[in-house]
C-alpha cells in the first residue's frame, strides 16, 4: 500500500494500549476500516486483522487470517512477522508442533531484527511440547550476543544443552 496508509496503520497501533479490554471490538473496527481501503486480494488485510484479533486475545480467530495472509503471498519482513505471530497463536490454541514446523526454517533465513523473536517464539513452542532443553538452548543462544561478558560461555552452554550425551 502507500506510505499514508502505512502511517495510519502505525498510528492506529500506537493507540492500542489506550483501549480497555472492553473496547477491543472498537480497536478491531479501526483496523477493519483501514483494511477496507486495500484491494480485496491484498495480503496486508488479513495480516493486520490477524494482528488485531491476536492482540485482543483471540488467537483462534487470528490463525486463519495469518494463514490467509501468507497464502496470498505476504513475504519479507511482514511475512516473517506473520510466521512468528502465527506460531505463537498456534501454540496458544494447542498446536505448538505446527508452530515448530513453521518457525524452524526461519532459523536459517537471512538475519534481521526479528531473529531473537523467532528463537523466543520457537522456544515457547518447544517448551509447550516438553522440549525444554531445546527451547532453553535457543533462548541462551539468542541472549549470548547481547551480553557484555560471557558470550562464548553462554553460546557453548546453549550448544551443550542439545548435543547428544550432555
C-alpha atoms as a PDB file:
ATOM      1  CA  UNK A   1       0.000   0.000   0.000  1.00  0.00           C
ATOM      2  CA  UNK A   2       1.100   3.607   0.100  1.00  0.00           C
ATOM      3  CA  UNK A   3       3.060   5.459   2.751  1.00  0.00           C
ATOM      4  CA  UNK A   4      -0.013   7.323   4.038  1.00  0.00           C
ATOM      5  CA  UNK A   5      -1.859   4.058   4.685  1.00  0.00           C
ATOM      6  CA  UNK A   6       1.188   2.558   6.435  1.00  0.00           C
ATOM      7  CA  UNK A   7       1.462   5.640   8.644  1.00  0.00           C
ATOM      8  CA  UNK A   8      -2.220   5.440   9.578  1.00  0.00           C
ATOM      9  CA  UNK A   9      -1.876   1.751  10.464  1.00  0.00           C
ATOM     10  CA  UNK A  10       1.174   2.563  12.595  1.00  0.00           C
ATOM     11  CA  UNK A  11      -0.765   5.376  14.270  1.00  0.00           C
ATOM     12  CA  UNK A  12      -3.684   3.038  14.993  1.00  0.00           C
ATOM     13  CA  UNK A  13      -1.364   0.508  16.617  1.00  0.00           C
ATOM     14  CA  UNK A  14       0.264   3.294  18.637  1.00  0.00           C
ATOM     15  CA  UNK A  15      -3.135   3.830  20.298  1.00  0.00           C
ATOM     16  CA  UNK A  16      -3.667   0.151  21.110  1.00  0.00           C
ATOM     17  CA  UNK A  17      -2.625   0.393  24.762  1.00  0.00           C
ATOM     18  CA  UNK A  18      -5.189   3.165  25.238  1.00  0.00           C
ATOM     19  CA  UNK A  19      -8.051   0.756  24.633  1.00  0.00           C
ATOM     20  CA  UNK A  20      -9.522  -1.069  27.599  1.00  0.00           C
ATOM     21  CA  UNK A  21     -10.220  -4.793  27.274  1.00  0.00           C
ATOM     22  CA  UNK A  22     -13.885  -3.955  26.906  1.00  0.00           C
ATOM     23  CA  UNK A  23     -13.020  -1.785  23.897  1.00  0.00           C
ATOM     24  CA  UNK A  24     -11.253  -4.498  21.912  1.00  0.00           C
ATOM     25  CA  UNK A  25     -14.021  -4.574  19.308  1.00  0.00           C
ATOM     26  CA  UNK A  26     -13.606  -0.830  18.790  1.00  0.00           C
ATOM     27  CA  UNK A  27      -9.892  -1.252  18.125  1.00  0.00           C
ATOM     28  CA  UNK A  28     -10.556  -4.097  15.677  1.00  0.00           C
ATOM     29  CA  UNK A  29     -13.095  -1.848  13.919  1.00  0.00           C
ATOM     30  CA  UNK A  30     -10.391   0.785  13.409  1.00  0.00           C
ATOM     31  CA  UNK A  31      -8.161  -1.842  11.813  1.00  0.00           C
ATOM     32  CA  UNK A  32     -11.053  -3.220   9.740  1.00  0.00           C
ATOM     33  CA  UNK A  33     -11.739   0.284   8.381  1.00  0.00           C
ATOM     34  CA  UNK A  34      -8.131   0.620   7.293  1.00  0.00           C
ATOM     35  CA  UNK A  35      -8.183  -2.864   5.743  1.00  0.00           C
ATOM     36  CA  UNK A  36     -11.321  -1.925   3.786  1.00  0.00           C
ATOM     37  CA  UNK A  37      -9.179   0.564   1.848  1.00  0.00           C
ATOM     38  CA  UNK A  38      -6.964  -2.215   0.484  1.00  0.00           C
ATOM     39  CA  UNK A  39      -7.510  -4.217  -2.691  1.00  0.00           C
ATOM     40  CA  UNK A  40      -9.523  -7.372  -1.975  1.00  0.00           C
ATOM     41  CA  UNK A  41      -6.569  -9.676  -2.675  1.00  0.00           C
ATOM     42  CA  UNK A  42      -4.016  -7.785  -0.588  1.00  0.00           C
ATOM     43  CA  UNK A  43      -2.129  -9.952   1.922  1.00  0.00           C
ATOM     44  CA  UNK A  44      -1.863  -6.951   4.244  1.00  0.00           C
ATOM     45  CA  UNK A  45      -5.583  -7.019   5.039  1.00  0.00           C
ATOM     46  CA  UNK A  46      -5.781 -10.424   6.682  1.00  0.00           C
ATOM     47  CA  UNK A  47      -2.378  -9.833   8.298  1.00  0.00           C
ATOM     48  CA  UNK A  48      -3.498  -6.629  10.025  1.00  0.00           C
ATOM     49  CA  UNK A  49      -6.805  -8.214  11.026  1.00  0.00           C
ATOM     50  CA  UNK A  50      -4.985 -11.248  12.425  1.00  0.00           C
ATOM     51  CA  UNK A  51      -2.736  -8.960  14.452  1.00  0.00           C
ATOM     52  CA  UNK A  52      -5.788  -7.156  15.834  1.00  0.00           C
ATOM     53  CA  UNK A  53      -7.559 -10.380  16.813  1.00  0.00           C
ATOM     54  CA  UNK A  54      -4.348 -11.781  18.279  1.00  0.00           C
ATOM     55  CA  UNK A  55      -3.577  -8.662  20.266  1.00  0.00           C
ATOM     56  CA  UNK A  56      -7.069  -8.638  21.726  1.00  0.00           C
ATOM     57  CA  UNK A  57      -6.788 -12.205  22.997  1.00  0.00           C
ATOM     58  CA  UNK A  58      -8.319 -14.231  20.175  1.00  0.00           C
ATOM     59  CA  UNK A  59      -5.586 -16.462  18.798  1.00  0.00           C
ATOM     60  CA  UNK A  60      -8.229 -18.828  17.432  1.00  0.00           C
ATOM     61  CA  UNK A  61      -9.608 -16.098  15.140  1.00  0.00           C
ATOM     62  CA  UNK A  62      -6.133 -14.866  14.210  1.00  0.00           C
ATOM     63  CA  UNK A  63      -4.782 -18.211  12.958  1.00  0.00           C
ATOM     64  CA  UNK A  64      -6.880 -18.472   9.777  1.00  0.00           C
ATOM     65  CA  UNK A  65      -6.181 -14.824   8.955  1.00  0.00           C
ATOM     66  CA  UNK A  66      -2.402 -15.254   9.312  1.00  0.00           C
ATOM     67  CA  UNK A  67      -2.641 -18.318   7.083  1.00  0.00           C
ATOM     68  CA  UNK A  68      -4.633 -16.358   4.516  1.00  0.00           C
ATOM     69  CA  UNK A  69      -2.085 -13.526   4.511  1.00  0.00           C
ATOM     70  CA  UNK A  70       0.744 -15.968   3.915  1.00  0.00           C
ATOM     71  CA  UNK A  71      -1.239 -17.832   1.236  1.00  0.00           C
ATOM     72  CA  UNK A  72      -1.837 -14.507  -0.542  1.00  0.00           C
ATOM     73  CA  UNK A  73       1.921 -14.011  -0.718  1.00  0.00           C
ATOM     74  CA  UNK A  74       2.868 -11.945   2.319  1.00  0.00           C
ATOM     75  CA  UNK A  75       6.667 -12.020   2.277  1.00  0.00           C
ATOM     76  CA  UNK A  76       9.650 -10.125   3.554  1.00  0.00           C
ATOM     77  CA  UNK A  77       9.627  -8.523   6.959  1.00  0.00           C
ATOM     78  CA  UNK A  78       5.846  -8.693   7.390  1.00  0.00           C
ATOM     79  CA  UNK A  79       5.812 -12.281   6.170  1.00  0.00           C
ATOM     80  CA  UNK A  80       8.347 -13.177   8.815  1.00  0.00           C
ATOM     81  CA  UNK A  81       6.280 -11.347  11.438  1.00  0.00           C
ATOM     82  CA  UNK A  82       3.233 -13.327  10.304  1.00  0.00           C
ATOM     83  CA  UNK A  83       5.104 -16.609  10.751  1.00  0.00           C
ATOM     84  CA  UNK A  84       6.257 -15.628  14.246  1.00  0.00           C
ATOM     85  CA  UNK A  85       2.813 -14.469  15.295  1.00  0.00           C
ATOM     86  CA  UNK A  86       1.060 -17.444  13.670  1.00  0.00           C
ATOM     87  CA  UNK A  87       3.390 -19.818  15.514  1.00  0.00           C
ATOM     88  CA  UNK A  88       2.643 -18.079  18.796  1.00  0.00           C
ATOM     89  CA  UNK A  89      -1.093 -18.254  18.137  1.00  0.00           C
ATOM     90  CA  UNK A  90      -0.854 -21.916  17.169  1.00  0.00           C
ATOM     91  CA  UNK A  91       0.878 -22.572  20.475  1.00  0.00           C
ATOM     92  CA  UNK A  92      -1.874 -20.706  22.302  1.00  0.00           C
ATOM     93  CA  UNK A  93      -4.537 -22.941  20.763  1.00  0.00           C
ATOM     94  CA  UNK A  94      -2.674 -26.187  21.450  1.00  0.00           C
ATOM     95  CA  UNK A  95      -0.964 -26.659  18.091  1.00  0.00           C
ATOM     96  CA  UNK A  96       2.627 -25.999  19.122  1.00  0.00           C
ATOM     97  CA  UNK A  97       4.010 -28.709  16.832  1.00  0.00           C
ATOM     98  CA  UNK A  98       2.752 -26.804  13.801  1.00  0.00           C
ATOM     99  CA  UNK A  99       4.392 -23.672  15.216  1.00  0.00           C
ATOM    100  CA  UNK A 100       7.707 -25.537  15.459  1.00  0.00           C
ATOM    101  CA  UNK A 101       7.399 -26.680  11.835  1.00  0.00           C
ATOM    102  CA  UNK A 102       6.632 -23.162  10.680  1.00  0.00           C
ATOM    103  CA  UNK A 103       9.451 -21.431  12.582  1.00  0.00           C
ATOM    104  CA  UNK A 104      12.286 -23.953  12.328  1.00  0.00           C
ATOM    105  CA  UNK A 105      13.141 -22.925   8.735  1.00  0.00           C
ATOM    106  CA  UNK A 106      13.288 -19.311   9.916  1.00  0.00           C
ATOM    107  CA  UNK A 107      16.433 -20.174  11.882  1.00  0.00           C
ATOM    108  CA  UNK A 108      18.228 -20.377   8.529  1.00  0.00           C
ATOM    109  CA  UNK A 109      16.525 -17.354   6.940  1.00  0.00           C
ATOM    110  CA  UNK A 110      18.517 -14.204   6.223  1.00  0.00           C
ATOM    111  CA  UNK A 111      19.236 -12.450   9.504  1.00  0.00           C
ATOM    112  CA  UNK A 112      17.233  -9.416  10.577  1.00  0.00           C
ATOM    113  CA  UNK A 113      15.970  -7.732  13.744  1.00  0.00           C
ATOM    114  CA  UNK A 114      13.348 -10.490  14.164  1.00  0.00           C
ATOM    115  CA  UNK A 115      15.913 -13.265  14.735  1.00  0.00           C
ATOM    116  CA  UNK A 116      15.552 -13.173  18.526  1.00  0.00           C
ATOM    117  CA  UNK A 117      11.747 -13.136  18.266  1.00  0.00           C
ATOM    118  CA  UNK A 118      11.923 -16.232  16.057  1.00  0.00           C
ATOM    119  CA  UNK A 119      14.058 -18.006  18.652  1.00  0.00           C
ATOM    120  CA  UNK A 120      11.951 -16.884  21.616  1.00  0.00           C
ATOM    121  CA  UNK A 121       8.694 -17.962  19.990  1.00  0.00           C
ATOM    122  CA  UNK A 122      10.182 -21.237  18.818  1.00  0.00           C
ATOM    123  CA  UNK A 123      11.463 -21.830  22.362  1.00  0.00           C
ATOM    124  CA  UNK A 124       7.950 -21.332  23.735  1.00  0.00           C
ATOM    125  CA  UNK A 125       6.541 -23.787  21.192  1.00  0.00           C
ATOM    126  CA  UNK A 126       9.223 -26.326  22.078  1.00  0.00           C
ATOM    127  CA  UNK A 127       8.531 -25.890  25.779  1.00  0.00           C
ATOM    128  CA  UNK A 128       4.829 -26.490  25.185  1.00  0.00           C
ATOM    129  CA  UNK A 129       5.850 -29.802  23.640  1.00  0.00           C
ATOM    130  CA  UNK A 130       8.003 -30.753  26.645  1.00  0.00           C
ATOM    131  CA  UNK A 131      11.218 -29.984  24.752  1.00  0.00           C
ATOM    132  CA  UNK A 132      12.514 -27.510  27.324  1.00  0.00           C
ATOM    133  CA  UNK A 133      16.232 -28.169  26.785  1.00  0.00           C
ATOM    134  CA  UNK A 134      15.927 -27.295  23.101  1.00  0.00           C
ATOM    135  CA  UNK A 135      13.951 -24.188  23.952  1.00  0.00           C
ATOM    136  CA  UNK A 136      16.441 -23.080  26.590  1.00  0.00           C
ATOM    137  CA  UNK A 137      19.253 -23.659  24.112  1.00  0.00           C
ATOM    138  CA  UNK A 138      17.586 -21.322  21.620  1.00  0.00           C
ATOM    139  CA  UNK A 139      16.988 -18.640  24.226  1.00  0.00           C
ATOM    140  CA  UNK A 140      20.544 -18.781  25.570  1.00  0.00           C
ATOM    141  CA  UNK A 141      21.897 -18.718  22.033  1.00  0.00           C
ATOM    142  CA  UNK A 142      19.816 -15.627  21.269  1.00  0.00           C
ATOM    143  CA  UNK A 143      20.826 -13.933  24.528  1.00  0.00           C
ATOM    144  CA  UNK A 144      24.562 -14.629  24.323  1.00  0.00           C
ATOM    145  CA  UNK A 145      25.473 -11.975  21.713  1.00  0.00           C
ATOM    146  CA  UNK A 146      23.770  -9.287  23.799  1.00  0.00           C
ATOM    147  CA  UNK A 147      25.767  -9.957  26.962  1.00  0.00           C
ATOM    148  CA  UNK A 148      28.661  -7.631  27.850  1.00  0.00           C
ATOM    149  CA  UNK A 149      30.674 -10.667  29.032  1.00  0.00           C
ATOM    150  CA  UNK A 150      30.411 -14.468  28.937  1.00  0.00           C
ATOM    151  CA  UNK A 151      29.213 -14.533  25.338  1.00  0.00           C
ATOM    152  CA  UNK A 152      31.337 -17.529  24.384  1.00  0.00           C
ATOM    153  CA  UNK A 153      30.468 -19.438  27.565  1.00  0.00           C
ATOM    154  CA  UNK A 154      26.725 -18.926  27.132  1.00  0.00           C
ATOM    155  CA  UNK A 155      26.901 -19.904  23.458  1.00  0.00           C
ATOM    156  CA  UNK A 156      28.776 -23.076  24.458  1.00  0.00           C
ATOM    157  CA  UNK A 157      26.249 -23.855  27.203  1.00  0.00           C
ATOM    158  CA  UNK A 158      23.434 -23.376  24.684  1.00  0.00           C
ATOM    159  CA  UNK A 159      25.016 -25.909  22.314  1.00  0.00           C
ATOM    160  CA  UNK A 160      25.713 -28.348  25.148  1.00  0.00           C
ATOM    161  CA  UNK A 161      22.007 -28.438  26.052  1.00  0.00           C
ATOM    162  CA  UNK A 162      21.141 -30.109  22.772  1.00  0.00           C
ATOM    163  CA  UNK A 163      24.259 -32.071  21.911  1.00  0.00           C
ATOM    164  CA  UNK A 164      23.984 -35.812  22.476  1.00  0.00           C
ATOM    165  CA  UNK A 165      25.483 -37.060  25.730  1.00  0.00           C
ATOM    166  CA  UNK A 166      25.288 -33.794  27.672  1.00  0.00           C
END
